[in-house]
């Protein structure tokens, strides 16, 4: 079973991976997820933003049709 930190690391990696592989700008990705640019930048660098909420997971799931379990349990594309 994964630890909470591992799941969070997987999620943040997957956000960056989805943005890059879909050719989406940071500004557009932040808008789609309902977060600020600084929050997205922290996430893409593997740092936990101070105000990260579960709504971001749901936004990624909805925007990219990726199951939240997959977003947390593994790194997409590996």
C-alpha atoms as a PDB file:
ATOM      1  CA  UNK A   1       0.000   0.000   0.000  1.00  0.00           C
ATOM      2  CA  UNK A   2       1.241   3.512  -0.806  1.00  0.00           C
ATOM      3  CA  UNK A   3       1.857   6.150   1.799  1.00  0.00           C
ATOM      4  CA  UNK A   4      -0.009   9.448   1.692  1.00  0.00           C
ATOM      5  CA  UNK A   5       3.207  11.238   0.728  1.00  0.00           C
ATOM      6  CA  UNK A   6       3.820   8.817  -2.140  1.00  0.00           C
ATOM      7  CA  UNK A   7       0.274   9.370  -3.387  1.00  0.00           C
ATOM      8  CA  UNK A   8       0.748  13.128  -3.214  1.00  0.00           C
ATOM      9  CA  UNK A   9       4.077  12.867  -5.069  1.00  0.00           C
ATOM     10  CA  UNK A  10       2.418  10.743  -7.770  1.00  0.00           C
ATOM     11  CA  UNK A  11      -0.399  13.250  -8.118  1.00  0.00           C
ATOM     12  CA  UNK A  12       1.908  16.243  -8.479  1.00  0.00           C
ATOM     13  CA  UNK A  13       4.068  14.371 -11.001  1.00  0.00           C
ATOM     14  CA  UNK A  14       0.953  13.452 -12.982  1.00  0.00           C
ATOM     15  CA  UNK A  15      -0.285  17.048 -13.103  1.00  0.00           C
ATOM     16  CA  UNK A  16       3.029  18.139 -14.651  1.00  0.00           C
ATOM     17  CA  UNK A  17       3.090  15.114 -16.984  1.00  0.00           C
ATOM     18  CA  UNK A  18      -0.454  15.757 -18.221  1.00  0.00           C
ATOM     19  CA  UNK A  19       0.280  19.418 -18.863  1.00  0.00           C
ATOM     20  CA  UNK A  20       3.468  18.694 -20.797  1.00  0.00           C
ATOM     21  CA  UNK A  21       2.122  15.788 -22.845  1.00  0.00           C
ATOM     22  CA  UNK A  22      -1.033  17.700 -23.791  1.00  0.00           C
ATOM     23  CA  UNK A  23       0.918  20.841 -24.722  1.00  0.00           C
ATOM     24  CA  UNK A  24      -0.960  23.050 -22.278  1.00  0.00           C
ATOM     25  CA  UNK A  25       0.584  26.275 -21.000  1.00  0.00           C
ATOM     26  CA  UNK A  26       1.050  26.741 -17.271  1.00  0.00           C
ATOM     27  CA  UNK A  27      -1.443  29.600 -17.327  1.00  0.00           C
ATOM     28  CA  UNK A  28      -4.101  27.464 -19.032  1.00  0.00           C
ATOM     29  CA  UNK A  29      -3.478  24.490 -16.740  1.00  0.00           C
ATOM     30  CA  UNK A  30      -3.784  26.654 -13.627  1.00  0.00           C
ATOM     31  CA  UNK A  31      -7.064  28.039 -14.969  1.00  0.00           C
ATOM     32  CA  UNK A  32      -8.419  24.552 -15.738  1.00  0.00           C
ATOM     33  CA  UNK A  33      -7.569  23.358 -12.231  1.00  0.00           C
ATOM     34  CA  UNK A  34      -8.791  26.478 -10.451  1.00  0.00           C
ATOM     35  CA  UNK A  35      -5.418  27.248  -8.876  1.00  0.00           C
ATOM     36  CA  UNK A  36      -2.970  30.111  -9.122  1.00  0.00           C
ATOM     37  CA  UNK A  37       0.199  29.995 -11.156  1.00  0.00           C
ATOM     38  CA  UNK A  38       2.384  29.820  -8.035  1.00  0.00           C
ATOM     39  CA  UNK A  39       0.423  26.839  -6.749  1.00  0.00           C
ATOM     40  CA  UNK A  40       0.838  25.012 -10.059  1.00  0.00           C
ATOM     41  CA  UNK A  41       4.541  25.849 -10.142  1.00  0.00           C
ATOM     42  CA  UNK A  42       5.042  24.405  -6.656  1.00  0.00           C
ATOM     43  CA  UNK A  43       3.152  21.260  -7.593  1.00  0.00           C
ATOM     44  CA  UNK A  44       5.199  20.754 -10.748  1.00  0.00           C
ATOM     45  CA  UNK A  45       8.380  21.045  -8.698  1.00  0.00           C
ATOM     46  CA  UNK A  46       7.112  18.372  -6.278  1.00  0.00           C
ATOM     47  CA  UNK A  47       6.460  20.774  -3.413  1.00  0.00           C
ATOM     48  CA  UNK A  48       3.162  20.717  -1.569  1.00  0.00           C
ATOM     49  CA  UNK A  49       1.386  24.065  -1.859  1.00  0.00           C
ATOM     50  CA  UNK A  50       0.079  25.439   1.443  1.00  0.00           C
ATOM     51  CA  UNK A  51      -3.528  25.542   0.205  1.00  0.00           C
ATOM     52  CA  UNK A  52      -3.857  22.430  -1.915  1.00  0.00           C
ATOM     53  CA  UNK A  53      -7.400  21.073  -1.709  1.00  0.00           C
ATOM     54  CA  UNK A  54      -9.042  17.887  -2.867  1.00  0.00           C
ATOM     55  CA  UNK A  55     -10.961  19.907  -5.453  1.00  0.00           C
ATOM     56  CA  UNK A  56      -7.762  19.980  -7.542  1.00  0.00           C
ATOM     57  CA  UNK A  57      -7.803  16.175  -7.769  1.00  0.00           C
ATOM     58  CA  UNK A  58     -11.409  16.271  -8.941  1.00  0.00           C
ATOM     59  CA  UNK A  59     -10.581  18.998 -11.477  1.00  0.00           C
ATOM     60  CA  UNK A  60      -7.748  16.909 -12.964  1.00  0.00           C
ATOM     61  CA  UNK A  61     -10.001  13.863 -13.082  1.00  0.00           C
ATOM     62  CA  UNK A  62     -12.746  15.842 -14.831  1.00  0.00           C
ATOM     63  CA  UNK A  63     -10.512  17.811 -17.231  1.00  0.00           C
ATOM     64  CA  UNK A  64      -8.392  14.864 -18.369  1.00  0.00           C
ATOM     65  CA  UNK A  65     -10.726  11.874 -17.854  1.00  0.00           C
ATOM     66  CA  UNK A  66      -8.201  10.139 -15.610  1.00  0.00           C
ATOM     67  CA  UNK A  67      -9.437   8.128 -12.648  1.00  0.00           C
ATOM     68  CA  UNK A  68      -8.392   9.663  -9.329  1.00  0.00           C
ATOM     69  CA  UNK A  69      -7.096   6.305  -8.128  1.00  0.00           C
ATOM     70  CA  UNK A  70      -4.678   6.217 -11.080  1.00  0.00           C
ATOM     71  CA  UNK A  71      -3.619   9.816 -10.384  1.00  0.00           C
ATOM     72  CA  UNK A  72      -2.649   8.874  -6.840  1.00  0.00           C
ATOM     73  CA  UNK A  73      -1.428   5.292  -7.146  1.00  0.00           C
ATOM     74  CA  UNK A  74       1.084   5.520 -10.002  1.00  0.00           C
ATOM     75  CA  UNK A  75       2.978   7.820 -12.294  1.00  0.00           C
ATOM     76  CA  UNK A  76       1.289   8.061 -15.655  1.00  0.00           C
ATOM     77  CA  UNK A  77       3.486   7.427 -18.670  1.00  0.00           C
ATOM     78  CA  UNK A  78       5.956   5.215 -16.805  1.00  0.00           C
END
